[in-house]
């Protein structure tokens, strides 16, 4: 391998951490679950346990949570209330599809194609592969290195999207103009998913589970490495915008506090310039770089204090790493 090729391989590494959101089941299966819920409960908003039962799961089943999550990603259901104490209701689009018994299925299939492109990753894959999916390995490589999925999740996304695309006919020549028109309509902010803003109250769902018992207020929104991250009160870690659902809009800006939030992420365009009297030390890890900022002229006492701090830090890091094994 040449030096250039070797450097290229070193520079392009899979992104570490939690995979972005994606449906755990394909659209055809999700619509069947919607039909099961309608048959059992009709059009009413029902308790979470009743919805899980209609889908064939227990009240605390992980399969029920994953089904709920997938149906939300497709826009088949809406959630009312907080966490597992909330209620589930079929969306208008779901009902329009389920109750459309006409021989002419033009409108029904148009709605199905819209639902198929509701998950963010589905839109991304269609834009990346507009003329049909390549080999599984090619699509998985794109998901891992460009979209931040781990290997297991990337394989699941490819299988699910293939099934959904086939069912909805996304790659049929007759549907190309219909899909293009849909993308134009998505430029209208009235048909886009409502994006969270500072001051909004939001809920977060990851891998089928609601993260917070009650919605939390957004304290910051930041772009980092080409993605939009949302930070809420009481939680230092950020979550991706597509995993966030606005439950209550912020009060009028004039009556909200003017204090700017502190952002935990560094600028994605590079490090800030060093200030006079301040130095930085960098150590590369597979998960990313560790950057330490410290005064240039440390006293002997300060060095001893710093040594004690690092001993505590390493003990805590080892303990947390051990819980992730």
C-alpha atoms as a PDB file:
ATOM      1  CA  UNK A   1       0.000   0.000   0.000  1.00  0.00           C
ATOM      2  CA  UNK A   2       1.426   3.408  -0.917  1.00  0.00           C
ATOM      3  CA  UNK A   3       1.942   6.155   1.678  1.00  0.00           C
ATOM      4  CA  UNK A   4      -0.925   8.143   0.149  1.00  0.00           C
ATOM      5  CA  UNK A   5      -3.284   5.196   0.350  1.00  0.00           C
ATOM      6  CA  UNK A   6      -2.162   4.424   3.883  1.00  0.00           C
ATOM      7  CA  UNK A   7      -2.769   8.018   4.976  1.00  0.00           C
ATOM      8  CA  UNK A   8      -6.198   7.964   3.344  1.00  0.00           C
ATOM      9  CA  UNK A   9      -7.153   4.819   5.269  1.00  0.00           C
ATOM     10  CA  UNK A  10      -5.934   6.403   8.514  1.00  0.00           C
ATOM     11  CA  UNK A  11      -7.937   9.553   7.949  1.00  0.00           C
ATOM     12  CA  UNK A  12     -11.223   7.791   7.188  1.00  0.00           C
ATOM     13  CA  UNK A  13     -12.312   5.919  10.279  1.00  0.00           C
ATOM     14  CA  UNK A  14     -15.789   4.794  11.300  1.00  0.00           C
ATOM     15  CA  UNK A  15     -17.438   7.246  13.677  1.00  0.00           C
ATOM     16  CA  UNK A  16     -17.688   5.988  17.231  1.00  0.00           C
ATOM     17  CA  UNK A  17     -20.654   5.988  19.605  1.00  0.00           C
ATOM     18  CA  UNK A  18     -24.364   5.369  19.416  1.00  0.00           C
ATOM     19  CA  UNK A  19     -25.912   4.813  15.993  1.00  0.00           C
ATOM     20  CA  UNK A  20     -28.429   7.367  14.686  1.00  0.00           C
ATOM     21  CA  UNK A  21     -32.114   6.492  14.815  1.00  0.00           C
ATOM     22  CA  UNK A  22     -33.682   4.071  12.335  1.00  0.00           C
ATOM     23  CA  UNK A  23     -36.835   1.894  12.152  1.00  0.00           C
ATOM     24  CA  UNK A  24     -36.394  -1.610  13.527  1.00  0.00           C
ATOM     25  CA  UNK A  25     -39.098  -3.006  11.198  1.00  0.00           C
ATOM     26  CA  UNK A  26     -39.929  -2.209   7.570  1.00  0.00           C
ATOM     27  CA  UNK A  27     -42.945  -0.175   6.462  1.00  0.00           C
ATOM     28  CA  UNK A  28     -45.092  -3.147   5.438  1.00  0.00           C
ATOM     29  CA  UNK A  29     -44.760  -4.690   8.900  1.00  0.00           C
ATOM     30  CA  UNK A  30     -45.323  -1.313  10.555  1.00  0.00           C
ATOM     31  CA  UNK A  31     -48.560  -0.830   8.601  1.00  0.00           C
ATOM     32  CA  UNK A  32     -49.705  -4.282   9.712  1.00  0.00           C
ATOM     33  CA  UNK A  33     -49.097  -3.224  13.307  1.00  0.00           C
ATOM     34  CA  UNK A  34     -51.132  -0.091  12.628  1.00  0.00           C
ATOM     35  CA  UNK A  35     -53.958  -2.290  11.307  1.00  0.00           C
ATOM     36  CA  UNK A  36     -53.741  -4.460  14.436  1.00  0.00           C
ATOM     37  CA  UNK A  37     -54.039  -1.377  16.642  1.00  0.00           C
ATOM     38  CA  UNK A  38     -56.997  -0.068  14.652  1.00  0.00           C
ATOM     39  CA  UNK A  39     -58.782  -3.409  14.837  1.00  0.00           C
ATOM     40  CA  UNK A  40     -58.268  -3.610  18.599  1.00  0.00           C
ATOM     41  CA  UNK A  41     -58.802   0.026  19.631  1.00  0.00           C
ATOM     42  CA  UNK A  42     -60.218   1.984  16.696  1.00  0.00           C
ATOM     43  CA  UNK A  43     -59.193   5.613  16.287  1.00  0.00           C
ATOM     44  CA  UNK A  44     -58.956   6.512  19.972  1.00  0.00           C
ATOM     45  CA  UNK A  45     -55.809   7.448  21.865  1.00  0.00           C
ATOM     46  CA  UNK A  46     -55.126   4.414  24.052  1.00  0.00           C
ATOM     47  CA  UNK A  47     -52.777   3.679  26.983  1.00  0.00           C
ATOM     48  CA  UNK A  48     -49.336   2.420  26.041  1.00  0.00           C
ATOM     49  CA  UNK A  49     -50.032  -1.015  27.537  1.00  0.00           C
ATOM     50  CA  UNK A  50     -53.145  -1.412  25.359  1.00  0.00           C
ATOM     51  CA  UNK A  51     -51.175  -0.529  22.224  1.00  0.00           C
ATOM     52  CA  UNK A  52     -48.446  -3.011  23.137  1.00  0.00           C
ATOM     53  CA  UNK A  53     -51.101  -5.697  23.667  1.00  0.00           C
ATOM     54  CA  UNK A  54     -52.585  -4.993  20.222  1.00  0.00           C
ATOM     55  CA  UNK A  55     -49.129  -5.531  18.739  1.00  0.00           C
ATOM     56  CA  UNK A  56     -48.703  -8.798  20.610  1.00  0.00           C
ATOM     57  CA  UNK A  57     -46.327  -7.627  23.354  1.00  0.00           C
ATOM     58  CA  UNK A  58     -46.375  -7.254  27.117  1.00  0.00           C
ATOM     59  CA  UNK A  59     -46.596  -3.845  28.784  1.00  0.00           C
ATOM     60  CA  UNK A  60     -42.844  -3.657  29.461  1.00  0.00           C
ATOM     61  CA  UNK A  61     -41.644  -5.582  26.402  1.00  0.00           C
ATOM     62  CA  UNK A  62     -38.633  -4.284  24.486  1.00  0.00           C
ATOM     63  CA  UNK A  63     -40.330  -5.521  21.305  1.00  0.00           C
ATOM     64  CA  UNK A  64     -43.271  -3.237  22.037  1.00  0.00           C
ATOM     65  CA  UNK A  65     -40.990  -0.255  22.525  1.00  0.00           C
ATOM     66  CA  UNK A  66     -39.113  -0.999  19.299  1.00  0.00           C
ATOM     67  CA  UNK A  67     -42.409  -1.299  17.395  1.00  0.00           C
ATOM     68  CA  UNK A  68     -43.650   1.972  18.863  1.00  0.00           C
ATOM     69  CA  UNK A  69     -40.386   3.657  17.885  1.00  0.00           C
ATOM     70  CA  UNK A  70     -40.493   2.348  14.303  1.00  0.00           C
ATOM     71  CA  UNK A  71     -44.110   3.422  13.863  1.00  0.00           C
ATOM     72  CA  UNK A  72     -43.215   6.906  15.066  1.00  0.00           C
ATOM     73  CA  UNK A  73     -40.315   7.130  12.614  1.00  0.00           C
ATOM     74  CA  UNK A  74     -42.742   6.308   9.787  1.00  0.00           C
ATOM     75  CA  UNK A  75     -45.340   8.790  11.064  1.00  0.00           C
ATOM     76  CA  UNK A  76     -47.955   6.098  11.716  1.00  0.00           C
ATOM     77  CA  UNK A  77     -48.648   7.081  15.318  1.00  0.00           C
ATOM     78  CA  UNK A  78     -48.473  10.071  17.642  1.00  0.00           C
ATOM     79  CA  UNK A  79     -47.783   9.988  21.378  1.00  0.00           C
ATOM     80  CA  UNK A  80     -49.735  11.962  23.956  1.00  0.00           C
ATOM     81  CA  UNK A  81     -48.491  12.485  27.499  1.00  0.00           C
ATOM     82  CA  UNK A  82     -45.273  11.517  29.259  1.00  0.00           C
ATOM     83  CA  UNK A  83     -43.227   8.337  28.858  1.00  0.00           C
ATOM     84  CA  UNK A  84     -44.813   4.956  29.422  1.00  0.00           C
ATOM     85  CA  UNK A  85     -47.780   6.654  31.074  1.00  0.00           C
ATOM     86  CA  UNK A  86     -48.697   8.349  27.815  1.00  0.00           C
ATOM     87  CA  UNK A  87     -51.109   7.276  25.106  1.00  0.00           C
ATOM     88  CA  UNK A  88     -50.787   6.117  21.490  1.00  0.00           C
ATOM     89  CA  UNK A  89     -52.961   7.284  18.602  1.00  0.00           C
ATOM     90  CA  UNK A  90     -52.922   6.410  14.912  1.00  0.00           C
ATOM     91  CA  UNK A  91     -51.968   9.326  12.671  1.00  0.00           C
ATOM     92  CA  UNK A  92     -54.202  10.777   9.967  1.00  0.00           C
ATOM     93  CA  UNK A  93     -51.999   9.292   7.229  1.00  0.00           C
ATOM     94  CA  UNK A  94     -52.178   5.861   8.822  1.00  0.00           C
ATOM     95  CA  UNK A  95     -55.972   6.000   8.890  1.00  0.00           C
ATOM     96  CA  UNK A  96     -56.160   7.265   5.310  1.00  0.00           C
ATOM     97  CA  UNK A  97     -54.165   4.236   4.182  1.00  0.00           C
ATOM     98  CA  UNK A  98     -55.912   1.664   6.366  1.00  0.00           C
ATOM     99  CA  UNK A  99     -59.449   2.842   5.540  1.00  0.00           C
ATOM    100  CA  UNK A 100     -58.923   3.374   1.807  1.00  0.00           C
ATOM    101  CA  UNK A 101     -60.725   0.435   0.168  1.00  0.00           C
ATOM    102  CA  UNK A 102     -61.042   1.995  -3.296  1.00  0.00           C
ATOM    103  CA  UNK A 103     -59.980   0.027  -6.345  1.00  0.00           C
ATOM    104  CA  UNK A 104     -57.926   2.990  -7.531  1.00  0.00           C
ATOM    105  CA  UNK A 105     -54.922   2.894  -5.177  1.00  0.00           C
ATOM    106  CA  UNK A 106     -53.163   5.959  -6.613  1.00  0.00           C
ATOM    107  CA  UNK A 107     -53.605   8.126  -3.519  1.00  0.00           C
ATOM    108  CA  UNK A 108     -52.975   5.226  -1.154  1.00  0.00           C
ATOM    109  CA  UNK A 109     -49.635   4.380  -2.778  1.00  0.00           C
ATOM    110  CA  UNK A 110     -48.643   8.045  -2.813  1.00  0.00           C
ATOM    111  CA  UNK A 111     -49.180   8.197   0.955  1.00  0.00           C
ATOM    112  CA  UNK A 112     -47.221   4.960   1.405  1.00  0.00           C
ATOM    113  CA  UNK A 113     -44.289   6.465  -0.501  1.00  0.00           C
ATOM    114  CA  UNK A 114     -44.463   9.545   1.722  1.00  0.00           C
ATOM    115  CA  UNK A 115     -44.328   7.367   4.827  1.00  0.00           C
ATOM    116  CA  UNK A 116     -41.441   5.379   3.366  1.00  0.00           C
ATOM    117  CA  UNK A 117     -39.412   8.583   3.121  1.00  0.00           C
ATOM    118  CA  UNK A 118     -40.339   9.937   6.547  1.00  0.00           C
ATOM    119  CA  UNK A 119     -37.325   8.433   8.403  1.00  0.00           C
ATOM    120  CA  UNK A 120     -34.323  10.701   7.908  1.00  0.00           C
ATOM    121  CA  UNK A 121     -31.996   7.854   6.981  1.00  0.00           C
ATOM    122  CA  UNK A 122     -34.382   6.719   4.217  1.00  0.00           C
ATOM    123  CA  UNK A 123     -34.231  10.145   2.564  1.00  0.00           C
ATOM    124  CA  UNK A 124     -30.453  10.091   2.865  1.00  0.00           C
ATOM    125  CA  UNK A 125     -30.158   6.657   1.245  1.00  0.00           C
ATOM    126  CA  UNK A 126     -32.467   7.608  -1.628  1.00  0.00           C
ATOM    127  CA  UNK A 127     -30.431  10.752  -2.284  1.00  0.00           C
ATOM    128  CA  UNK A 128     -27.153   8.827  -2.115  1.00  0.00           C
ATOM    129  CA  UNK A 129     -28.432   5.974  -4.313  1.00  0.00           C
ATOM    130  CA  UNK A 130     -31.113   7.580  -6.531  1.00  0.00           C
ATOM    131  CA  UNK A 131     -31.006   4.850  -9.209  1.00  0.00           C
ATOM    132  CA  UNK A 132     -31.224   1.840  -6.899  1.00  0.00           C
ATOM    133  CA  UNK A 133     -29.216   0.357  -4.055  1.00  0.00           C
ATOM    134  CA  UNK A 134     -25.773  -1.042  -4.748  1.00  0.00           C
ATOM    135  CA  UNK A 135     -24.428  -4.139  -3.001  1.00  0.00           C
ATOM    136  CA  UNK A 136     -25.082  -4.486   0.709  1.00  0.00           C
ATOM    137  CA  UNK A 137     -21.373  -3.952   1.381  1.00  0.00           C
ATOM    138  CA  UNK A 138     -21.380  -0.634  -0.529  1.00  0.00           C
ATOM    139  CA  UNK A 139     -24.432   0.711   1.305  1.00  0.00           C
ATOM    140  CA  UNK A 140     -23.145  -0.465   4.681  1.00  0.00           C
ATOM    141  CA  UNK A 141     -19.797   1.235   4.037  1.00  0.00           C
ATOM    142  CA  UNK A 142     -21.643   4.518   3.397  1.00  0.00           C
ATOM    143  CA  UNK A 143     -23.706   4.090   6.575  1.00  0.00           C
ATOM    144  CA  UNK A 144     -20.692   3.295   8.748  1.00  0.00           C
ATOM    145  CA  UNK A 145     -18.180   5.854   7.481  1.00  0.00           C
ATOM    146  CA  UNK A 146     -20.474   8.704   6.419  1.00  0.00           C
ATOM    147  CA  UNK A 147     -23.526   8.361   8.656  1.00  0.00           C
ATOM    148  CA  UNK A 148     -22.045   7.081  11.925  1.00  0.00           C
ATOM    149  CA  UNK A 149     -23.754   3.677  12.228  1.00  0.00           C
ATOM    150  CA  UNK A 150     -22.004   0.713  13.785  1.00  0.00           C
ATOM    151  CA  UNK A 151     -21.675  -2.475  11.716  1.00  0.00           C
ATOM    152  CA  UNK A 152     -24.649  -4.287  13.235  1.00  0.00           C
ATOM    153  CA  UNK A 153     -26.978  -1.316  12.869  1.00  0.00           C
ATOM    154  CA  UNK A 154     -25.790  -0.656   9.296  1.00  0.00           C
ATOM    155  CA  UNK A 155     -26.707  -4.213   8.247  1.00  0.00           C
ATOM    156  CA  UNK A 156     -30.155  -3.829   9.835  1.00  0.00           C
ATOM    157  CA  UNK A 157     -30.750  -0.488   8.106  1.00  0.00           C
ATOM    158  CA  UNK A 158     -29.871  -1.933   4.680  1.00  0.00           C
ATOM    159  CA  UNK A 159     -32.223  -4.900   5.102  1.00  0.00           C
ATOM    160  CA  UNK A 160     -35.067  -2.733   6.407  1.00  0.00           C
ATOM    161  CA  UNK A 161     -34.700  -0.060   3.723  1.00  0.00           C
ATOM    162  CA  UNK A 162     -34.563  -2.624   0.924  1.00  0.00           C
ATOM    163  CA  UNK A 163     -37.833  -4.156   2.141  1.00  0.00           C
ATOM    164  CA  UNK A 164     -39.471  -0.735   2.542  1.00  0.00           C
ATOM    165  CA  UNK A 165     -38.273   0.502  -0.864  1.00  0.00           C
ATOM    166  CA  UNK A 166     -39.613  -2.630  -2.568  1.00  0.00           C
ATOM    167  CA  UNK A 167     -42.976  -2.373  -0.806  1.00  0.00           C
ATOM    168  CA  UNK A 168     -43.394   1.349  -1.544  1.00  0.00           C
ATOM    169  CA  UNK A 169     -41.963   1.101  -5.061  1.00  0.00           C
ATOM    170  CA  UNK A 170     -39.464   3.876  -4.457  1.00  0.00           C
ATOM    171  CA  UNK A 171     -37.270   2.795  -7.356  1.00  0.00           C
ATOM    172  CA  UNK A 172     -40.020   2.143  -9.893  1.00  0.00           C
ATOM    173  CA  UNK A 173     -39.562   4.487 -12.902  1.00  0.00           C
ATOM    174  CA  UNK A 174     -43.191   5.633 -12.756  1.00  0.00           C
ATOM    175  CA  UNK A 175     -42.675   6.938  -9.216  1.00  0.00           C
ATOM    176  CA  UNK A 176     -39.608   9.089  -9.852  1.00  0.00           C
ATOM    177  CA  UNK A 177     -41.580  12.248 -10.643  1.00  0.00           C
ATOM    178  CA  UNK A 178     -43.903  11.650  -7.685  1.00  0.00           C
ATOM    179  CA  UNK A 179     -40.962  11.377  -5.295  1.00  0.00           C
ATOM    180  CA  UNK A 180     -39.284  14.456  -6.803  1.00  0.00           C
ATOM    181  CA  UNK A 181     -42.484  16.438  -6.260  1.00  0.00           C
ATOM    182  CA  UNK A 182     -42.587  15.243  -2.665  1.00  0.00           C
ATOM    183  CA  UNK A 183     -39.044  16.552  -2.092  1.00  0.00           C
ATOM    184  CA  UNK A 184     -40.110  19.970  -3.408  1.00  0.00           C
ATOM    185  CA  UNK A 185     -43.037  20.012  -0.990  1.00  0.00           C
ATOM    186  CA  UNK A 186     -40.696  19.179   1.870  1.00  0.00           C
ATOM    187  CA  UNK A 187     -39.051  22.573   1.360  1.00  0.00           C
ATOM    188  CA  UNK A 188     -42.234  24.039   2.867  1.00  0.00           C
ATOM    189  CA  UNK A 189     -41.607  24.359   6.639  1.00  0.00           C
ATOM    190  CA  UNK A 190     -45.262  23.509   7.257  1.00  0.00           C
ATOM    191  CA  UNK A 191     -44.736  19.919   6.100  1.00  0.00           C
ATOM    192  CA  UNK A 192     -41.356  19.337   7.732  1.00  0.00           C
ATOM    193  CA  UNK A 193     -40.896  17.755  11.122  1.00  0.00           C
ATOM    194  CA  UNK A 194     -40.820  20.531  13.693  1.00  0.00           C
ATOM    195  CA  UNK A 195     -37.221  21.145  14.714  1.00  0.00           C
ATOM    196  CA  UNK A 196     -36.415  21.750  18.354  1.00  0.00           C
ATOM    197  CA  UNK A 197     -35.293  25.225  19.405  1.00  0.00           C
ATOM    198  CA  UNK A 198     -33.901  26.647  22.625  1.00  0.00           C
ATOM    199  CA  UNK A 199     -36.700  26.887  25.163  1.00  0.00           C
ATOM    200  CA  UNK A 200     -38.850  24.117  23.655  1.00  0.00           C
ATOM    201  CA  UNK A 201     -39.779  21.109  25.773  1.00  0.00           C
ATOM    202  CA  UNK A 202     -38.873  17.852  24.070  1.00  0.00           C
ATOM    203  CA  UNK A 203     -38.908  14.094  24.503  1.00  0.00           C
ATOM    204  CA  UNK A 204     -36.201  11.796  23.180  1.00  0.00           C
ATOM    205  CA  UNK A 205     -36.618   8.225  22.001  1.00  0.00           C
ATOM    206  CA  UNK A 206     -33.623   5.958  21.365  1.00  0.00           C
ATOM    207  CA  UNK A 207     -33.857   2.301  20.374  1.00  0.00           C
ATOM    208  CA  UNK A 208     -37.556   2.230  21.218  1.00  0.00           C
ATOM    209  CA  UNK A 209     -37.212   3.687  24.727  1.00  0.00           C
ATOM    210  CA  UNK A 210     -38.263   7.153  25.896  1.00  0.00           C
ATOM    211  CA  UNK A 211     -35.210   8.658  27.579  1.00  0.00           C
ATOM    212  CA  UNK A 212     -36.873  11.078  29.988  1.00  0.00           C
ATOM    213  CA  UNK A 213     -39.744  10.475  32.372  1.00  0.00           C
ATOM    214  CA  UNK A 214     -41.060  13.937  31.489  1.00  0.00           C
ATOM    215  CA  UNK A 215     -40.204  16.291  28.592  1.00  0.00           C
ATOM    216  CA  UNK A 216     -37.192  18.524  29.217  1.00  0.00           C
ATOM    217  CA  UNK A 217     -36.354  22.050  28.135  1.00  0.00           C
ATOM    218  CA  UNK A 218     -33.827  22.568  25.327  1.00  0.00           C
ATOM    219  CA  UNK A 219     -30.886  24.626  26.536  1.00  0.00           C
ATOM    220  CA  UNK A 220     -28.799  24.551  23.367  1.00  0.00           C
ATOM    221  CA  UNK A 221     -28.765  23.440  19.718  1.00  0.00           C
ATOM    222  CA  UNK A 222     -25.428  23.074  17.960  1.00  0.00           C
ATOM    223  CA  UNK A 223     -24.059  21.918  14.619  1.00  0.00           C
ATOM    224  CA  UNK A 224     -21.106  19.562  14.979  1.00  0.00           C
ATOM    225  CA  UNK A 225     -19.383  17.440  12.321  1.00  0.00           C
ATOM    226  CA  UNK A 226     -22.248  17.970   9.874  1.00  0.00           C
ATOM    227  CA  UNK A 227     -25.017  17.018  12.327  1.00  0.00           C
ATOM    228  CA  UNK A 228     -27.397  18.937  14.550  1.00  0.00           C
ATOM    229  CA  UNK A 229     -27.234  18.115  18.265  1.00  0.00           C
ATOM    230  CA  UNK A 230     -29.751  19.062  20.933  1.00  0.00           C
ATOM    231  CA  UNK A 231     -28.866  19.602  24.615  1.00  0.00           C
ATOM    232  CA  UNK A 232     -31.497  19.625  27.353  1.00  0.00           C
ATOM    233  CA  UNK A 233     -31.590  20.692  30.986  1.00  0.00           C
ATOM    234  CA  UNK A 234     -30.141  18.144  33.377  1.00  0.00           C
ATOM    235  CA  UNK A 235     -28.178  16.202  30.767  1.00  0.00           C
ATOM    236  CA  UNK A 236     -24.653  17.040  29.602  1.00  0.00           C
ATOM    237  CA  UNK A 237     -24.732  14.700  26.589  1.00  0.00           C
ATOM    238  CA  UNK A 238     -26.360  15.819  23.356  1.00  0.00           C
ATOM    239  CA  UNK A 239     -28.756  13.845  21.167  1.00  0.00           C
ATOM    240  CA  UNK A 240     -29.275  14.014  17.415  1.00  0.00           C
ATOM    241  CA  UNK A 241     -32.085  16.266  16.213  1.00  0.00           C
ATOM    242  CA  UNK A 242     -33.895  13.402  14.428  1.00  0.00           C
ATOM    243  CA  UNK A 243     -34.269  11.595  17.780  1.00  0.00           C
ATOM    244  CA  UNK A 244     -36.020  14.590  19.347  1.00  0.00           C
ATOM    245  CA  UNK A 245     -39.738  15.340  19.293  1.00  0.00           C
ATOM    246  CA  UNK A 246     -41.108  18.722  20.373  1.00  0.00           C
ATOM    247  CA  UNK A 247     -43.889  18.323  22.935  1.00  0.00           C
ATOM    248  CA  UNK A 248     -44.328  21.992  23.857  1.00  0.00           C
ATOM    249  CA  UNK A 249     -43.114  25.101  22.067  1.00  0.00           C
ATOM    250  CA  UNK A 250     -41.094  27.737  23.901  1.00  0.00           C
ATOM    251  CA  UNK A 251     -42.777  30.770  25.379  1.00  0.00           C
ATOM    252  CA  UNK A 252     -42.450  34.083  23.555  1.00  0.00           C
ATOM    253  CA  UNK A 253     -38.802  35.044  23.169  1.00  0.00           C
ATOM    254  CA  UNK A 254     -39.416  38.438  24.811  1.00  0.00           C
ATOM    255  CA  UNK A 255     -40.420  36.770  28.093  1.00  0.00           C
ATOM    256  CA  UNK A 256     -37.722  34.096  28.078  1.00  0.00           C
ATOM    257  CA  UNK A 257     -34.370  34.592  29.869  1.00  0.00           C
ATOM    258  CA  UNK A 258     -31.613  36.105  27.774  1.00  0.00           C
ATOM    259  CA  UNK A 259     -28.859  33.923  29.253  1.00  0.00           C
ATOM    260  CA  UNK A 260     -26.941  32.096  26.543  1.00  0.00           C
ATOM    261  CA  UNK A 261     -26.465  28.348  27.081  1.00  0.00           C
ATOM    262  CA  UNK A 262     -23.025  26.786  27.508  1.00  0.00           C
ATOM    263  CA  UNK A 263     -22.263  24.333  24.742  1.00  0.00           C
ATOM    264  CA  UNK A 264     -20.315  21.192  25.659  1.00  0.00           C
ATOM    265  CA  UNK A 265     -19.056  20.540  22.136  1.00  0.00           C
ATOM    266  CA  UNK A 266     -15.937  22.199  20.668  1.00  0.00           C
ATOM    267  CA  UNK A 267     -16.163  24.000  17.307  1.00  0.00           C
ATOM    268  CA  UNK A 268     -16.206  21.426  14.495  1.00  0.00           C
ATOM    269  CA  UNK A 269     -14.030  23.574  12.255  1.00  0.00           C
ATOM    270  CA  UNK A 270     -10.935  23.064  14.407  1.00  0.00           C
ATOM    271  CA  UNK A 271      -9.502  23.997  17.790  1.00  0.00           C
ATOM    272  CA  UNK A 272      -9.773  27.484  19.185  1.00  0.00           C
ATOM    273  CA  UNK A 273      -6.517  29.461  19.014  1.00  0.00           C
ATOM    274  CA  UNK A 274      -4.357  29.160  22.123  1.00  0.00           C
ATOM    275  CA  UNK A 275      -4.422  32.127  24.467  1.00  0.00           C
ATOM    276  CA  UNK A 276      -1.341  33.739  25.960  1.00  0.00           C
ATOM    277  CA  UNK A 277      -0.103  31.795  28.993  1.00  0.00           C
ATOM    278  CA  UNK A 278      -2.211  28.750  28.127  1.00  0.00           C
ATOM    279  CA  UNK A 279      -0.997  25.499  26.554  1.00  0.00           C
ATOM    280  CA  UNK A 280      -2.761  22.476  25.078  1.00  0.00           C
ATOM    281  CA  UNK A 281      -1.751  18.837  25.006  1.00  0.00           C
ATOM    282  CA  UNK A 282      -3.400  16.308  22.698  1.00  0.00           C
ATOM    283  CA  UNK A 283      -3.550  12.505  22.976  1.00  0.00           C
ATOM    284  CA  UNK A 284      -5.183  10.462  20.180  1.00  0.00           C
ATOM    285  CA  UNK A 285      -7.563   7.606  21.072  1.00  0.00           C
ATOM    286  CA  UNK A 286      -9.630   5.389  18.776  1.00  0.00           C
ATOM    287  CA  UNK A 287     -12.786   7.123  20.048  1.00  0.00           C
ATOM    288  CA  UNK A 288     -11.330  10.582  19.400  1.00  0.00           C
ATOM    289  CA  UNK A 289      -8.706  12.997  20.690  1.00  0.00           C
ATOM    290  CA  UNK A 290      -8.260  13.905  24.360  1.00  0.00           C
ATOM    291  CA  UNK A 291      -7.282  17.575  24.607  1.00  0.00           C
ATOM    292  CA  UNK A 292      -6.018  19.064  27.883  1.00  0.00           C
ATOM    293  CA  UNK A 293      -5.793  22.835  28.363  1.00  0.00           C
ATOM    294  CA  UNK A 294      -3.585  24.066  31.218  1.00  0.00           C
ATOM    295  CA  UNK A 295      -1.686  27.165  32.423  1.00  0.00           C
ATOM    296  CA  UNK A 296       1.800  27.503  31.000  1.00  0.00           C
ATOM    297  CA  UNK A 297       3.616  28.049  34.299  1.00  0.00           C
ATOM    298  CA  UNK A 298       2.440  25.454  36.819  1.00  0.00           C
ATOM    299  CA  UNK A 299       3.834  25.595  40.340  1.00  0.00           C
ATOM    300  CA  UNK A 300       5.095  22.505  42.147  1.00  0.00           C
ATOM    301  CA  UNK A 301       1.989  22.520  44.372  1.00  0.00           C
ATOM    302  CA  UNK A 302      -0.280  22.778  41.347  1.00  0.00           C
ATOM    303  CA  UNK A 303       1.455  19.833  39.694  1.00  0.00           C
ATOM    304  CA  UNK A 304       0.799  17.742  42.806  1.00  0.00           C
ATOM    305  CA  UNK A 305      -2.859  18.826  42.804  1.00  0.00           C
ATOM    306  CA  UNK A 306      -3.101  17.932  39.121  1.00  0.00           C
ATOM    307  CA  UNK A 307      -1.615  14.503  39.794  1.00  0.00           C
ATOM    308  CA  UNK A 308      -4.337  13.815  42.366  1.00  0.00           C
ATOM    309  CA  UNK A 309      -7.016  14.945  39.919  1.00  0.00           C
ATOM    310  CA  UNK A 310      -5.791  12.613  37.186  1.00  0.00           C
ATOM    311  CA  UNK A 311      -5.677   9.652  39.548  1.00  0.00           C
ATOM    312  CA  UNK A 312      -9.348  10.229  40.397  1.00  0.00           C
ATOM    313  CA  UNK A 313     -10.180  10.742  36.711  1.00  0.00           C
ATOM    314  CA  UNK A 314      -8.473   7.489  35.644  1.00  0.00           C
ATOM    315  CA  UNK A 315     -10.222   5.497  38.389  1.00  0.00           C
ATOM    316  CA  UNK A 316     -13.596   6.855  37.272  1.00  0.00           C
ATOM    317  CA  UNK A 317     -12.814   6.210  33.580  1.00  0.00           C
ATOM    318  CA  UNK A 318     -11.802   2.609  34.341  1.00  0.00           C
ATOM    319  CA  UNK A 319     -14.978   2.054  36.332  1.00  0.00           C
ATOM    320  CA  UNK A 320     -17.193   3.439  33.543  1.00  0.00           C
ATOM    321  CA  UNK A 321     -15.320   1.480  30.878  1.00  0.00           C
ATOM    322  CA  UNK A 322     -15.808  -1.692  32.902  1.00  0.00           C
ATOM    323  CA  UNK A 323     -19.589  -1.206  32.995  1.00  0.00           C
ATOM    324  CA  UNK A 324     -19.685  -1.035  29.186  1.00  0.00           C
ATOM    325  CA  UNK A 325     -18.047  -4.418  28.616  1.00  0.00           C
END
